[in-house]
Amino acid sequence: MQGETFHPGDTKMALAQLLQLVFFGGLAVALVGRSLLPEPYAKFLESNQLPVLGACFMCNIAAGNLLNSGAFEVTYNGQFVWSKIEAGRFPQMDELRSALASVGLSHTPP
């Protein structure tokens, strides 16, 4: 048996990468780059540092949620066994045993 990372889709990946870029760019500007900004923007950042940092961290959380599919996809020899995404839940042990037996994998207890 082998596990793999479930790919959430190109759109979600691109949006998550954009949000991560906003997160790191926002942190850099808010913490060390204020001197590079025009004065009105620098004053805005200075007076609203906590909300700006909060917005940056929300971008980070949103990016993580886009990539977290909660996938638990089981295949055996290329045959579908169980999909948490389709079922909406993890299988019970008896369900998983039954599904594995239906694709030809049997388990004999020791």
Protein backbone atom coordinates (compact mmCIF):
# COMPACT_ATOMS: atom_id res chain seq x y z
CA MET A 1 0.00 0.00 0.00
CA GLN A 2 1.09 3.53 -0.67
CA GLY A 3 -0.20 6.97 0.23
CA GLU A 4 -0.09 10.03 -1.96
CA THR A 5 -0.94 13.70 -1.64
CA PHE A 6 -4.37 14.51 -3.02
CA HIS A 7 -4.24 17.37 -5.55
CA PRO A 8 -7.06 19.82 -4.78
CA GLY A 9 -7.19 21.23 -8.32
CA ASP A 10 -5.30 23.87 -10.28
CA THR A 11 -7.65 26.73 -9.41
CA LYS A 12 -7.42 26.14 -5.67
CA MET A 13 -3.64 25.73 -5.92
CA ALA A 14 -3.26 29.01 -7.81
CA LEU A 15 -5.51 30.91 -5.41
CA ALA A 16 -3.69 29.44 -2.39
CA GLN A 17 -0.34 30.50 -3.87
CA LEU A 18 -1.67 34.01 -4.48
CA LEU A 19 -2.91 34.23 -0.87
CA GLN A 20 0.48 33.04 0.39
CA LEU A 21 2.16 35.73 -1.70
CA VAL A 22 -0.15 38.34 -0.17
CA PHE A 23 0.60 36.94 3.29
CA PHE A 24 4.38 37.10 3.00
CA GLY A 25 4.38 40.37 1.07
CA GLY A 26 2.04 41.96 3.60
CA LEU A 27 4.20 40.79 6.48
CA ALA A 28 7.34 42.15 4.86
CA VAL A 29 5.79 45.53 4.13
CA ALA A 30 4.03 45.82 7.51
CA LEU A 31 7.10 44.87 9.54
CA VAL A 32 10.12 46.19 7.65
CA GLY A 33 9.04 47.92 4.47
CA ARG A 34 7.14 50.92 5.79
CA SER A 35 10.04 53.23 4.95
CA LEU A 36 9.68 52.27 1.29
CA LEU A 37 6.04 53.36 1.10
CA PRO A 38 4.74 56.87 0.44
CA GLU A 39 4.03 58.73 3.69
CA PRO A 40 0.21 58.40 3.71
CA TYR A 41 0.46 54.62 3.32
CA ALA A 42 3.20 54.36 5.93
CA LYS A 43 1.06 56.34 8.39
CA PHE A 44 -1.91 54.12 7.64
CA LEU A 45 0.17 51.02 8.35
CA GLU A 46 1.56 52.54 11.52
CA SER A 47 -1.87 53.41 12.90
CA ASN A 48 -3.51 50.14 11.74
CA GLN A 49 -0.72 47.61 12.18
CA LEU A 50 -2.78 45.05 14.08
CA PRO A 51 -5.67 44.90 11.56
CA VAL A 52 -3.21 44.74 8.66
CA LEU A 53 -1.29 41.89 10.26
CA GLY A 54 -4.60 40.19 11.08
CA ALA A 55 -5.63 40.43 7.42
CA CYS A 56 -2.28 38.94 6.40
CA PHE A 57 -2.75 36.00 8.74
CA MET A 58 -6.32 35.50 7.49
CA CYS A 59 -4.86 35.15 3.98
CA ASN A 60 -2.56 32.45 5.34
CA ILE A 61 -5.47 30.61 6.98
CA ALA A 62 -7.58 30.84 3.81
CA ALA A 63 -4.69 29.45 1.74
CA GLY A 64 -4.36 26.49 4.08
CA ASN A 65 -8.08 25.79 3.96
CA LEU A 66 -8.06 25.82 0.16
CA LEU A 67 -5.42 23.10 0.12
CA ASN A 68 -6.92 20.97 2.88
CA SER A 69 -9.33 18.62 1.15
CA GLY A 70 -9.54 16.11 4.00
CA ALA A 71 -9.13 13.44 1.35
CA PHE A 72 -8.99 9.79 2.30
CA GLU A 73 -9.00 8.02 -1.04
CA VAL A 74 -8.27 4.29 -1.11
CA THR A 75 -7.44 2.30 -4.21
CA TYR A 76 -6.00 -1.20 -4.55
CA ASN A 77 -4.22 -2.24 -7.76
CA GLY A 78 -5.80 0.74 -9.51
CA GLN A 79 -9.32 -0.18 -8.39
CA PHE A 80 -11.41 2.27 -6.40
CA VAL A 81 -12.08 1.14 -2.82
CA TRP A 82 -13.23 4.17 -0.77
CA SER A 83 -13.52 7.92 -1.16
CA LYS A 84 -14.06 10.18 1.85
CA ILE A 85 -14.76 13.04 -0.54
CA GLU A 86 -17.65 11.15 -2.16
CA ALA A 87 -18.96 9.52 1.02
CA GLY A 88 -18.45 12.60 3.18
CA ARG A 89 -16.99 10.55 6.01
CA PHE A 90 -14.30 8.06 6.96
CA PRO A 91 -15.24 4.40 6.54
CA GLN A 92 -15.98 2.15 9.47
CA MET A 93 -13.48 -0.70 9.77
CA ASP A 94 -16.04 -3.29 8.62
CA GLU A 95 -16.92 -1.14 5.60
CA LEU A 96 -13.26 -0.81 4.65
CA ARG A 97 -12.65 -4.56 5.05
CA SER A 98 -15.70 -5.30 2.91
CA ALA A 99 -14.65 -2.80 0.24
CA LEU A 100 -11.11 -4.21 0.15
CA ALA A 101 -12.47 -7.76 -0.09
CA SER A 102 -14.66 -6.72 -3.04
CA VAL A 103 -11.54 -5.74 -5.02
CA GLY A 104 -9.70 -8.93 -4.18
CA LEU A 105 -7.73 -8.14 -1.04
CA SER A 106 -8.52 -10.47 1.81
CA HIS A 107 -7.32 -10.27 5.37
CA THR A 108 -6.92 -13.32 7.50
CA PRO A 109 -6.59 -12.53 11.20
CA PRO A 110 -3.48 -13.90 12.93
